[in-house]
Amino acid sequence: MEYRQLYNGVRMPMLGYGVYQIDSSQTERCVLDAIDCGYRLIDTAQAYGNEEGVGSAVAKSGVPRDEMFITSKVWVTNFGEGNTMRSIDESLRRLGTDYLDLILLHQAYGDYYGAYRDLEKAYEQGKVRAIGVSNFDFNRILDLSTFARIKPMVNQVETHVYWQQRQNHQVMEDLDIAHEAWSPFAEGANGFFRDPILTAISQGHGKTVAQVALRYLMDLGVIVIPKSVHKERMEQNFDVFDFELTDEGRDRIARMDADKSAVLDHRDPKTVAWLMGLFANESKQA
């Protein structure tokens, strides 16, 4: 395994397993398979509805808790000072653990300043080993980093070969904030797994397109959390530590960057309006 040392000294695996869109009935089995394949970073969220499955799998795996790195994220309807802390305690209960290795604010909307103050308190109380955010662009990450007492340690954003997040990445590097990629395979958009450039490079290394894409991002210092419900693919995605891309291969992939979302663009007014409506409806139902 390769690691990124966060600025507070915590070592975070560069390669983990994400459980987004994995049904709660399958989560325990999938996470157990992932742990068996060697994954130690497991990424979940309150909004995924599968924290219990993650916690159950970690408990049943036999791997000591201090060898695991568990991430969860606070959903927007749980934002607000006091409310966020209660939701963190509930996540700890669902996960069956006394602490989280990383907690993130899932979106840059609503009262994320009040929510972040609770993250700082949870960190100081030892409930979490590291704190950060998700889906924050460089403007909001700069703003929060300037005015928060404890600067975010991680920012998890959509990142893949079609959107390499260069400007955001540079800001994060300047601030010593770790860049983590969700959807490193672009959810299969643009014929990702049949892309001719990635296919040619992967054939030259005797690797899969997915392995090449993960290796490229990790070489940039980006933490990746690929998801699969198939153990064979989990094993393939984990098998990225025995080869190096050539300079030519990296240059070719670098030129694939379209500098735009292929999954869910948080800069698009229509996306933001849809999310605002979603959050508003959830708040009314709560």
C-alpha atoms as a PDB file:
ATOM      1  CA  MET A   1       0.000   0.000   0.000  1.00  0.00           C
ATOM      2  CA  GLU A   2       1.020   3.590  -0.603  1.00  0.00           C
ATOM      3  CA  TYR A   3       0.003   6.306   1.848  1.00  0.00           C
ATOM      4  CA  ARG A   4      -0.667  10.031   1.976  1.00  0.00           C
ATOM      5  CA  GLN A   5       0.375  11.601   5.263  1.00  0.00           C
ATOM      6  CA  LEU A   6      -2.203  14.205   6.200  1.00  0.00           C
ATOM      7  CA  TYR A   7      -0.862  17.435   7.647  1.00  0.00           C
ATOM      8  CA  ASN A   8      -1.759  16.292  11.186  1.00  0.00           C
ATOM      9  CA  GLY A   9       0.410  13.175  10.790  1.00  0.00           C
ATOM     10  CA  VAL A  10      -2.380  10.633  10.116  1.00  0.00           C
ATOM     11  CA  ARG A  11      -1.436   8.187   7.334  1.00  0.00           C
ATOM     12  CA  MET A  12      -4.253   7.598   4.852  1.00  0.00           C
ATOM     13  CA  PRO A  13      -4.135   4.771   2.289  1.00  0.00           C
ATOM     14  CA  MET A  14      -3.925   6.024  -1.304  1.00  0.00           C
ATOM     15  CA  LEU A  15      -6.289   3.271  -2.481  1.00  0.00           C
ATOM     16  CA  GLY A  16      -9.576   2.428  -0.799  1.00  0.00           C
ATOM     17  CA  TYR A  17     -12.975   0.920  -1.404  1.00  0.00           C
ATOM     18  CA  GLY A  18     -16.103   3.025  -1.889  1.00  0.00           C
ATOM     19  CA  VAL A  19     -19.617   1.795  -1.108  1.00  0.00           C
ATOM     20  CA  TYR A  20     -21.702   4.453  -2.888  1.00  0.00           C
ATOM     21  CA  GLN A  21     -24.862   2.926  -4.437  1.00  0.00           C
ATOM     22  CA  ILE A  22     -24.229  -0.464  -2.857  1.00  0.00           C
ATOM     23  CA  ASP A  23     -27.517  -1.707  -1.451  1.00  0.00           C
ATOM     24  CA  SER A  24     -27.535  -2.163   2.307  1.00  0.00           C
ATOM     25  CA  SER A  25     -28.355  -5.857   1.818  1.00  0.00           C
ATOM     26  CA  GLN A  26     -25.071  -6.361  -0.081  1.00  0.00           C
ATOM     27  CA  THR A  27     -22.785  -4.022   1.835  1.00  0.00           C
ATOM     28  CA  GLU A  28     -21.498  -6.467   4.449  1.00  0.00           C
ATOM     29  CA  ARG A  29     -20.601  -9.086   1.843  1.00  0.00           C
ATOM     30  CA  CYS A  30     -18.944  -6.536  -0.468  1.00  0.00           C
ATOM     31  CA  VAL A  31     -16.892  -4.924   2.286  1.00  0.00           C
ATOM     32  CA  LEU A  32     -15.788  -8.313   3.609  1.00  0.00           C
ATOM     33  CA  ASP A  33     -14.642  -9.194   0.080  1.00  0.00           C
ATOM     34  CA  ALA A  34     -12.812  -5.874  -0.208  1.00  0.00           C
ATOM     35  CA  ILE A  35     -11.043  -6.357   3.107  1.00  0.00           C
ATOM     36  CA  ASP A  36     -10.070  -9.873   2.030  1.00  0.00           C
ATOM     37  CA  CYS A  37      -8.557  -8.375  -1.136  1.00  0.00           C
ATOM     38  CA  GLY A  38      -6.399  -6.086   0.974  1.00  0.00           C
ATOM     39  CA  TYR A  39      -8.379  -2.847   1.168  1.00  0.00           C
ATOM     40  CA  ARG A  40      -8.134  -1.069   4.490  1.00  0.00           C
ATOM     41  CA  LEU A  41      -9.688   2.290   3.592  1.00  0.00           C
ATOM     42  CA  ILE A  42     -13.489   1.985   3.424  1.00  0.00           C
ATOM     43  CA  ASP A  43     -15.499   5.052   2.359  1.00  0.00           C
ATOM     44  CA  THR A  44     -19.182   5.362   3.270  1.00  0.00           C
ATOM     45  CA  ALA A  45     -21.610   8.194   4.103  1.00  0.00           C
ATOM     46  CA  GLN A  46     -24.753   8.878   6.066  1.00  0.00           C
ATOM     47  CA  ALA A  47     -26.630   9.397   2.800  1.00  0.00           C
ATOM     48  CA  TYR A  48     -25.652   5.959   1.447  1.00  0.00           C
ATOM     49  CA  GLY A  49     -27.766   4.163   4.037  1.00  0.00           C
ATOM     50  CA  ASN A  50     -25.195   1.403   4.495  1.00  0.00           C
ATOM     51  CA  GLU A  51     -23.026   2.421   7.452  1.00  0.00           C
ATOM     52  CA  GLU A  52     -24.346  -0.560   9.438  1.00  0.00           C
ATOM     53  CA  GLY A  53     -23.143  -2.986   6.775  1.00  0.00           C
ATOM     54  CA  VAL A  54     -19.707  -1.423   6.749  1.00  0.00           C
ATOM     55  CA  GLY A  55     -19.444  -1.630  10.523  1.00  0.00           C
ATOM     56  CA  SER A  56     -20.628  -5.229  10.591  1.00  0.00           C
ATOM     57  CA  ALA A  57     -18.100  -6.253   7.940  1.00  0.00           C
ATOM     58  CA  VAL A  58     -15.212  -4.567   9.742  1.00  0.00           C
ATOM     59  CA  ALA A  59     -16.198  -6.311  12.980  1.00  0.00           C
ATOM     60  CA  LYS A  60     -16.475  -9.718  11.293  1.00  0.00           C
ATOM     61  CA  SER A  61     -13.304  -9.352   9.213  1.00  0.00           C
ATOM     62  CA  GLY A  62     -10.946 -10.103  12.087  1.00  0.00           C
ATOM     63  CA  VAL A  63      -8.731  -7.192  11.045  1.00  0.00           C
ATOM     64  CA  PRO A  64      -7.826  -5.050  14.071  1.00  0.00           C
ATOM     65  CA  ARG A  65      -9.716  -1.758  14.114  1.00  0.00           C
ATOM     66  CA  ASP A  66      -6.496   0.264  14.194  1.00  0.00           C
ATOM     67  CA  GLU A  67      -5.473  -1.282  10.873  1.00  0.00           C
ATOM     68  CA  MET A  68      -8.647  -0.027   9.200  1.00  0.00           C
ATOM     69  CA  PHE A  69      -9.308   3.493   7.932  1.00  0.00           C
ATOM     70  CA  ILE A  70     -13.042   4.258   7.973  1.00  0.00           C
ATOM     71  CA  THR A  71     -14.497   7.384   6.380  1.00  0.00           C
ATOM     72  CA  SER A  72     -18.046   8.673   6.593  1.00  0.00           C
ATOM     73  CA  LYS A  73     -19.695  11.909   5.498  1.00  0.00           C
ATOM     74  CA  VAL A  74     -22.299  14.160   7.117  1.00  0.00           C
ATOM     75  CA  TRP A  75     -25.341  14.818   4.931  1.00  0.00           C
ATOM     76  CA  VAL A  76     -26.607  18.371   4.418  1.00  0.00           C
ATOM     77  CA  THR A  77     -29.820  17.878   6.399  1.00  0.00           C
ATOM     78  CA  ASN A  78     -27.606  17.132   9.416  1.00  0.00           C
ATOM     79  CA  PHE A  79     -25.663  20.380   9.062  1.00  0.00           C
ATOM     80  CA  GLY A  80     -25.713  22.921  11.850  1.00  0.00           C
ATOM     81  CA  GLU A  81     -23.847  23.276  15.124  1.00  0.00           C
ATOM     82  CA  GLY A  82     -25.088  20.632  17.553  1.00  0.00           C
ATOM     83  CA  ASN A  83     -27.082  18.808  14.885  1.00  0.00           C
ATOM     84  CA  THR A  84     -23.910  17.698  13.122  1.00  0.00           C
ATOM     85  CA  MET A  85     -22.383  16.378  16.332  1.00  0.00           C
ATOM     86  CA  ARG A  86     -25.505  14.316  17.028  1.00  0.00           C
ATOM     87  CA  SER A  87     -25.292  12.862  13.522  1.00  0.00           C
ATOM     88  CA  ILE A  88     -21.625  11.952  14.040  1.00  0.00           C
ATOM     89  CA  ASP A  89     -22.529  10.125  17.239  1.00  0.00           C
ATOM     90  CA  GLU A  90     -25.257   8.280  15.330  1.00  0.00           C
ATOM     91  CA  SER A  91     -22.794   7.322  12.574  1.00  0.00           C
ATOM     92  CA  LEU A  92     -20.426   5.965  15.218  1.00  0.00           C
ATOM     93  CA  ARG A  93     -23.281   3.905  16.633  1.00  0.00           C
ATOM     94  CA  ARG A  94     -24.270   2.533  13.219  1.00  0.00           C
ATOM     95  CA  LEU A  95     -20.656   1.715  12.379  1.00  0.00           C
ATOM     96  CA  GLY A  96     -20.076   0.093  15.771  1.00  0.00           C
ATOM     97  CA  THR A  97     -16.873   2.000  16.427  1.00  0.00           C
ATOM     98  CA  ASP A  98     -15.621   4.480  19.016  1.00  0.00           C
ATOM     99  CA  TYR A  99     -13.983   6.714  16.415  1.00  0.00           C
ATOM    100  CA  LEU A 100     -13.837   7.488  12.717  1.00  0.00           C
ATOM    101  CA  ASP A 101     -10.563   7.885  10.884  1.00  0.00           C
ATOM    102  CA  LEU A 102     -12.036  10.621   8.695  1.00  0.00           C
ATOM    103  CA  ILE A 103     -15.304  12.544   8.645  1.00  0.00           C
ATOM    104  CA  LEU A 104     -16.262  14.831   5.751  1.00  0.00           C
ATOM    105  CA  LEU A 105     -19.006  17.349   5.089  1.00  0.00           C
ATOM    106  CA  HIS A 106     -20.712  15.824   2.058  1.00  0.00           C
ATOM    107  CA  GLN A 107     -21.679  19.031   0.233  1.00  0.00           C
ATOM    108  CA  ALA A 108     -20.796  22.725   0.221  1.00  0.00           C
ATOM    109  CA  TYR A 109     -24.363  23.860   0.867  1.00  0.00           C
ATOM    110  CA  GLY A 110     -26.495  24.877   3.820  1.00  0.00           C
ATOM    111  CA  ASP A 111     -24.930  25.733   7.159  1.00  0.00           C
ATOM    112  CA  TYR A 112     -21.625  24.097   6.428  1.00  0.00           C
ATOM    113  CA  TYR A 113     -19.799  26.566   8.685  1.00  0.00           C
ATOM    114  CA  GLY A 114     -21.850  25.495  11.701  1.00  0.00           C
ATOM    115  CA  ALA A 115     -21.394  21.858  10.666  1.00  0.00           C
ATOM    116  CA  TYR A 116     -17.647  22.300  10.316  1.00  0.00           C
ATOM    117  CA  ARG A 117     -17.403  23.752  13.826  1.00  0.00           C
ATOM    118  CA  ASP A 118     -18.848  20.446  15.057  1.00  0.00           C
ATOM    119  CA  LEU A 119     -16.231  18.569  13.025  1.00  0.00           C
ATOM    120  CA  GLU A 120     -13.539  20.586  14.776  1.00  0.00           C
ATOM    121  CA  LYS A 121     -15.065  19.721  18.158  1.00  0.00           C
ATOM    122  CA  ALA A 122     -15.347  16.027  17.262  1.00  0.00           C
ATOM    123  CA  TYR A 123     -11.682  16.069  16.245  1.00  0.00           C
ATOM    124  CA  GLU A 124     -10.618  17.700  19.493  1.00  0.00           C
ATOM    125  CA  GLN A 125     -12.711  15.189  21.469  1.00  0.00           C
ATOM    126  CA  GLY A 126     -11.061  12.228  19.735  1.00  0.00           C
ATOM    127  CA  LYS A 127     -14.209  11.050  17.971  1.00  0.00           C
ATOM    128  CA  VAL A 128     -12.449  11.446  14.617  1.00  0.00           C
ATOM    129  CA  ARG A 129      -8.786  11.311  13.637  1.00  0.00           C
ATOM    130  CA  ALA A 130      -9.117  13.666  10.667  1.00  0.00           C
ATOM    131  CA  ILE A 131     -11.699  16.074   9.248  1.00  0.00           C
ATOM    132  CA  GLY A 132     -12.438  17.415   5.801  1.00  0.00           C
ATOM    133  CA  VAL A 133     -14.972  18.166   3.116  1.00  0.00           C
ATOM    134  CA  SER A 134     -16.397  16.786  -0.107  1.00  0.00           C
ATOM    135  CA  ASN A 135     -17.475  18.546  -3.305  1.00  0.00           C
ATOM    136  CA  PHE A 136     -15.844  21.849  -2.344  1.00  0.00           C
ATOM    137  CA  ASP A 137     -14.403  23.815  -5.261  1.00  0.00           C
ATOM    138  CA  PHE A 138     -11.247  25.878  -4.846  1.00  0.00           C
ATOM    139  CA  ASN A 139     -13.168  29.036  -3.872  1.00  0.00           C
ATOM    140  CA  ARG A 140     -14.962  27.394  -0.969  1.00  0.00           C
ATOM    141  CA  ILE A 141     -11.956  25.366   0.136  1.00  0.00           C
ATOM    142  CA  LEU A 142      -9.891  28.576   0.286  1.00  0.00           C
ATOM    143  CA  ASP A 143     -12.664  30.355   2.185  1.00  0.00           C
ATOM    144  CA  LEU A 144     -13.135  27.584   4.744  1.00  0.00           C
ATOM    145  CA  SER A 145      -9.400  27.075   5.178  1.00  0.00           C
ATOM    146  CA  THR A 146      -8.915  30.774   5.869  1.00  0.00           C
ATOM    147  CA  PHE A 147     -11.595  31.150   8.523  1.00  0.00           C
ATOM    148  CA  ALA A 148     -11.825  27.713  10.195  1.00  0.00           C
ATOM    149  CA  ARG A 149      -9.843  27.048  13.367  1.00  0.00           C
ATOM    150  CA  ILE A 150      -8.660  23.699  11.993  1.00  0.00           C
ATOM    151  CA  LYS A 151      -8.033  23.566   8.273  1.00  0.00           C
ATOM    152  CA  PRO A 152      -9.616  20.670   6.333  1.00  0.00           C
ATOM    153  CA  MET A 153      -7.262  17.726   5.881  1.00  0.00           C
ATOM    154  CA  VAL A 154      -9.032  16.137   2.868  1.00  0.00           C
ATOM    155  CA  ASN A 155     -11.262  17.311   0.027  1.00  0.00           C
ATOM    156  CA  GLN A 156     -13.078  14.560  -1.873  1.00  0.00           C
ATOM    157  CA  VAL A 157     -14.234  15.643  -5.342  1.00  0.00           C
ATOM    158  CA  GLU A 158     -15.192  14.093  -8.674  1.00  0.00           C
ATOM    159  CA  THR A 159     -11.856  13.305 -10.319  1.00  0.00           C
ATOM    160  CA  HIS A 160     -10.970  11.083 -13.267  1.00  0.00           C
ATOM    161  CA  VAL A 161      -9.076  11.226 -16.554  1.00  0.00           C
ATOM    162  CA  TYR A 162     -11.788  13.395 -18.158  1.00  0.00           C
ATOM    163  CA  TRP A 163     -11.811  15.887 -15.267  1.00  0.00           C
ATOM    164  CA  GLN A 164      -8.453  15.956 -13.562  1.00  0.00           C
ATOM    165  CA  GLN A 165      -9.300  18.955 -11.343  1.00  0.00           C
ATOM    166  CA  ARG A 166      -5.961  20.643 -11.970  1.00  0.00           C
ATOM    167  CA  GLN A 167      -6.836  24.057 -10.543  1.00  0.00           C
ATOM    168  CA  ASN A 168      -8.547  22.577  -7.493  1.00  0.00           C
ATOM    169  CA  HIS A 169      -5.673  20.099  -7.074  1.00  0.00           C
ATOM    170  CA  GLN A 170      -3.062  22.858  -7.077  1.00  0.00           C
ATOM    171  CA  VAL A 171      -4.969  24.846  -4.462  1.00  0.00           C
ATOM    172  CA  MET A 172      -5.225  21.728  -2.289  1.00  0.00           C
ATOM    173  CA  GLU A 173      -1.510  21.030  -2.684  1.00  0.00           C
ATOM    174  CA  ASP A 174      -0.686  24.635  -1.765  1.00  0.00           C
ATOM    175  CA  LEU A 175      -2.817  24.282   1.382  1.00  0.00           C
ATOM    176  CA  ASP A 176      -1.494  20.772   2.179  1.00  0.00           C
ATOM    177  CA  ILE A 177      -5.009  19.343   1.858  1.00  0.00           C
ATOM    178  CA  ALA A 178      -5.172  15.795   0.483  1.00  0.00           C
ATOM    179  CA  HIS A 179      -7.059  15.404  -2.798  1.00  0.00           C
ATOM    180  CA  GLU A 180      -9.371  12.368  -2.852  1.00  0.00           C
ATOM    181  CA  ALA A 181     -11.244  11.245  -5.959  1.00  0.00           C
ATOM    182  CA  TRP A 182     -14.799  10.001  -6.034  1.00  0.00           C
ATOM    183  CA  SER A 183     -15.856   8.254  -9.240  1.00  0.00           C
ATOM    184  CA  PRO A 184     -12.304   7.624 -10.522  1.00  0.00           C
ATOM    185  CA  PHE A 185     -13.850   5.668 -13.426  1.00  0.00           C
ATOM    186  CA  ALA A 186     -16.259   8.522 -14.303  1.00  0.00           C
ATOM    187  CA  GLU A 187     -19.096   6.039 -13.689  1.00  0.00           C
ATOM    188  CA  GLY A 188     -18.307   4.601 -17.127  1.00  0.00           C
ATOM    189  CA  ALA A 189     -19.101   7.852 -18.961  1.00  0.00           C
ATOM    190  CA  ASN A 190     -17.689   8.560 -22.431  1.00  0.00           C
ATOM    191  CA  GLY A 191     -17.110   4.835 -23.015  1.00  0.00           C
ATOM    192  CA  PHE A 192     -14.504   4.928 -20.247  1.00  0.00           C
ATOM    193  CA  PHE A 193     -13.681   1.216 -20.175  1.00  0.00           C
ATOM    194  CA  ARG A 194     -13.335   1.122 -23.979  1.00  0.00           C
ATOM    195  CA  ASP A 195     -11.451   4.390 -24.332  1.00  0.00           C
ATOM    196  CA  PRO A 196      -8.872   3.857 -27.117  1.00  0.00           C
ATOM    197  CA  ILE A 197      -6.092   5.807 -25.381  1.00  0.00           C
ATOM    198  CA  LEU A 198      -6.517   4.017 -22.058  1.00  0.00           C
ATOM    199  CA  THR A 199      -6.930   0.689 -23.854  1.00  0.00           C
ATOM    200  CA  ALA A 200      -3.677   1.107 -25.791  1.00  0.00           C
ATOM    201  CA  ILE A 201      -1.744   2.097 -22.668  1.00  0.00           C
ATOM    202  CA  SER A 202      -3.240  -0.741 -20.623  1.00  0.00           C
ATOM    203  CA  GLN A 203      -2.349  -3.317 -23.294  1.00  0.00           C
ATOM    204  CA  GLY A 204       1.237  -2.072 -23.265  1.00  0.00           C
ATOM    205  CA  HIS A 205       1.479  -2.826 -19.556  1.00  0.00           C
ATOM    206  CA  GLY A 206      -0.618  -5.991 -19.520  1.00  0.00           C
ATOM    207  CA  LYS A 207      -3.087  -4.216 -17.252  1.00  0.00           C
ATOM    208  CA  THR A 208      -6.746  -3.201 -17.376  1.00  0.00           C
ATOM    209  CA  VAL A 209      -8.072   0.232 -18.281  1.00  0.00           C
ATOM    210  CA  ALA A 210      -9.223   0.635 -14.677  1.00  0.00           C
ATOM    211  CA  GLN A 211      -5.762  -0.174 -13.330  1.00  0.00           C
ATOM    212  CA  VAL A 212      -4.125   2.373 -15.617  1.00  0.00           C
ATOM    213  CA  ALA A 213      -6.634   5.067 -14.645  1.00  0.00           C
ATOM    214  CA  LEU A 214      -6.082   4.431 -10.943  1.00  0.00           C
ATOM    215  CA  ARG A 215      -2.295   4.365 -11.298  1.00  0.00           C
ATOM    216  CA  TYR A 216      -2.369   7.686 -13.156  1.00  0.00           C
ATOM    217  CA  LEU A 217      -4.367   9.443 -10.441  1.00  0.00           C
ATOM    218  CA  MET A 218      -2.294   7.956  -7.631  1.00  0.00           C
ATOM    219  CA  ASP A 219       0.882   9.129  -9.368  1.00  0.00           C
ATOM    220  CA  LEU A 220      -0.565  12.646  -9.196  1.00  0.00           C
ATOM    221  CA  GLY A 221      -0.992  12.235  -5.437  1.00  0.00           C
ATOM    222  CA  VAL A 222      -4.750  11.679  -5.649  1.00  0.00           C
ATOM    223  CA  ILE A 223      -6.363   9.176  -3.250  1.00  0.00           C
ATOM    224  CA  VAL A 224      -8.815   6.866  -5.058  1.00  0.00           C
ATOM    225  CA  ILE A 225     -11.820   4.854  -3.832  1.00  0.00           C
ATOM    226  CA  PRO A 226     -13.072   2.641  -6.696  1.00  0.00           C
ATOM    227  CA  LYS A 227     -16.260   0.634  -6.222  1.00  0.00           C
ATOM    228  CA  SER A 228     -17.268  -2.788  -7.496  1.00  0.00           C
ATOM    229  CA  VAL A 229     -19.612  -5.451  -6.180  1.00  0.00           C
ATOM    230  CA  HIS A 230     -17.562  -8.163  -7.918  1.00  0.00           C
ATOM    231  CA  LYS A 231     -14.610  -9.585  -5.998  1.00  0.00           C
ATOM    232  CA  GLU A 232     -12.626 -10.291  -9.168  1.00  0.00           C
ATOM    233  CA  ARG A 233     -12.754  -6.602 -10.088  1.00  0.00           C
ATOM    234  CA  MET A 234     -11.948  -5.578  -6.523  1.00  0.00           C
ATOM    235  CA  GLU A 235      -8.796  -7.684  -6.829  1.00  0.00           C
ATOM    236  CA  GLN A 236      -7.942  -6.153 -10.194  1.00  0.00           C
ATOM    237  CA  ASN A 237      -8.443  -2.620  -8.912  1.00  0.00           C
ATOM    238  CA  PHE A 238      -6.147  -3.372  -5.984  1.00  0.00           C
ATOM    239  CA  ASP A 239      -3.410  -4.740  -8.263  1.00  0.00           C
ATOM    240  CA  VAL A 240      -1.821  -1.401  -9.159  1.00  0.00           C
ATOM    241  CA  PHE A 241       1.410  -1.458  -7.186  1.00  0.00           C
ATOM    242  CA  ASP A 242       3.610  -3.483  -9.551  1.00  0.00           C
ATOM    243  CA  PHE A 243       3.882  -1.244 -12.614  1.00  0.00           C
ATOM    244  CA  GLU A 244       4.755   2.296 -13.629  1.00  0.00           C
ATOM    245  CA  LEU A 245       3.314   4.366 -16.422  1.00  0.00           C
ATOM    246  CA  THR A 246       5.761   5.772 -18.933  1.00  0.00           C
ATOM    247  CA  ASP A 247       6.209   9.518 -19.345  1.00  0.00           C
ATOM    248  CA  GLU A 248       4.593   9.186 -22.766  1.00  0.00           C
ATOM    249  CA  GLY A 249       1.617   7.351 -21.283  1.00  0.00           C
ATOM    250  CA  ARG A 250       1.146   9.989 -18.592  1.00  0.00           C
ATOM    251  CA  ASP A 251       1.329  12.756 -21.187  1.00  0.00           C
ATOM    252  CA  ARG A 252      -1.313  11.074 -23.323  1.00  0.00           C
ATOM    253  CA  ILE A 253      -3.668  10.711 -20.357  1.00  0.00           C
ATOM    254  CA  ALA A 254      -2.993  14.298 -19.274  1.00  0.00           C
ATOM    255  CA  ARG A 255      -4.245  15.479 -22.662  1.00  0.00           C
ATOM    256  CA  MET A 256      -7.538  13.621 -22.108  1.00  0.00           C
ATOM    257  CA  ASP A 257      -8.571  16.201 -19.509  1.00  0.00           C
ATOM    258  CA  ALA A 258     -11.736  17.971 -20.704  1.00  0.00           C
ATOM    259  CA  ASP A 259     -11.826  20.066 -17.503  1.00  0.00           C
ATOM    260  CA  LYS A 260     -15.495  19.368 -16.909  1.00  0.00           C
ATOM    261  CA  SER A 261     -17.693  16.952 -14.997  1.00  0.00           C
ATOM    262  CA  ALA A 262     -18.763  13.674 -16.521  1.00  0.00           C
ATOM    263  CA  VAL A 263     -20.975  12.684 -13.575  1.00  0.00           C
ATOM    264  CA  LEU A 264     -22.477  15.521 -11.485  1.00  0.00           C
ATOM    265  CA  ASP A 265     -21.223  19.061 -12.010  1.00  0.00           C
ATOM    266  CA  HIS A 266     -21.624  21.053  -8.797  1.00  0.00           C
ATOM    267  CA  ARG A 267     -20.785  24.207 -10.776  1.00  0.00           C
ATOM    268  CA  ASP A 268     -23.849  23.819 -13.012  1.00  0.00           C
ATOM    269  CA  PRO A 269     -26.761  26.031 -11.848  1.00  0.00           C
ATOM    270  CA  LYS A 270     -29.265  23.311 -12.798  1.00  0.00           C
ATOM    271  CA  THR A 271     -27.421  20.764 -10.661  1.00  0.00           C
ATOM    272  CA  VAL A 272     -27.273  23.174  -7.737  1.00  0.00           C
ATOM    273  CA  ALA A 273     -30.984  23.990  -8.070  1.00  0.00           C
ATOM    274  CA  TRP A 274     -31.817  20.265  -8.137  1.00  0.00           C
ATOM    275  CA  LEU A 275     -29.711  19.622  -5.041  1.00  0.00           C
ATOM    276  CA  MET A 276     -31.267  22.579  -3.218  1.00  0.00           C
ATOM    277  CA  GLY A 277     -34.729  21.177  -3.938  1.00  0.00           C
ATOM    278  CA  LEU A 278     -33.649  17.740  -2.785  1.00  0.00           C
ATOM    279  CA  PHE A 279     -32.259  19.069   0.492  1.00  0.00           C
ATOM    280  CA  ALA A 280     -35.335  21.232   1.086  1.00  0.00           C
ATOM    281  CA  ASN A 281     -37.687  18.275   0.597  1.00  0.00           C
ATOM    282  CA  GLU A 282     -35.603  16.085   2.907  1.00  0.00           C
ATOM    283  CA  SER A 283     -35.683  18.754   5.596  1.00  0.00           C
ATOM    284  CA  LYS A 284     -39.459  18.982   5.392  1.00  0.00           C
ATOM    285  CA  GLN A 285     -39.806  15.209   5.721  1.00  0.00           C
ATOM    286  CA  ALA A 286     -37.417  14.984   8.673  1.00  0.00           C
END
